[in-house]
Amino acid sequence: MADIKIRACCPDDAADVTEIATQPNVVWGTLQLPAQSVSDWRQRLQSNDPATRYQLVAEIDGKVVGLAGLHWSNRMRTRHVADLGMFVHDAYQGQGVGKALMENLLDAADRWLGLVRVELEVYADNERAIKLYRDFGFEMEGVKRMNAYRDGRYVNSVVMGRIRPTLEHSPN
């Protein structure tokens, strides 16, 4: 297995992120469109607000091969909840990139961001992603029928959620 480095995402990652987002398996498994521009991604990455978004990339041999992030509301009553999104380059799927991104994101959610609930939506037929999310404590909470349009057909999405595990706090 390759050495995976996890770090904060930055606007300079736009070209690699665009390449990832337009991979056939990524387009199939997410809401990404097949054609996207580097300038659009650069603008998206520049407009990230660190007060409501935490994004990480995975690098292998200096190349960004995955992106994952948490996004939460600035509304006080839902500040403890974040949405999770993630995608991994087709050529690097099944090599532990998603697992490394999830480990780092959920560590930040539990230990640094004060999040209690992390939620996501995944296509009901994306068994590989569902297994990964279950491995990290996510549970199925419902199905959104005909939620997205993919490859000329409507598909269902599954809503999944994870409540932060109870942690024992001890004095330094």
Foldseek 3Di string as FASTA:
>chain_A
DFDKDKDFDALVLLVLVQQQCQAPVNVQKDVGDNDDDSVVSSVVRVPDDPVFKTKMFIDGPRGTFKIKMWGWDPDPVTQQETEIDMTGHPVCPPPCRVVVRVVVHVCCSQPPRNHFKYKYKTFPPPVVVVVSVVVVAKDWDDKDFQPDAGPNGGTIITIIMHGDDDDDDDDD
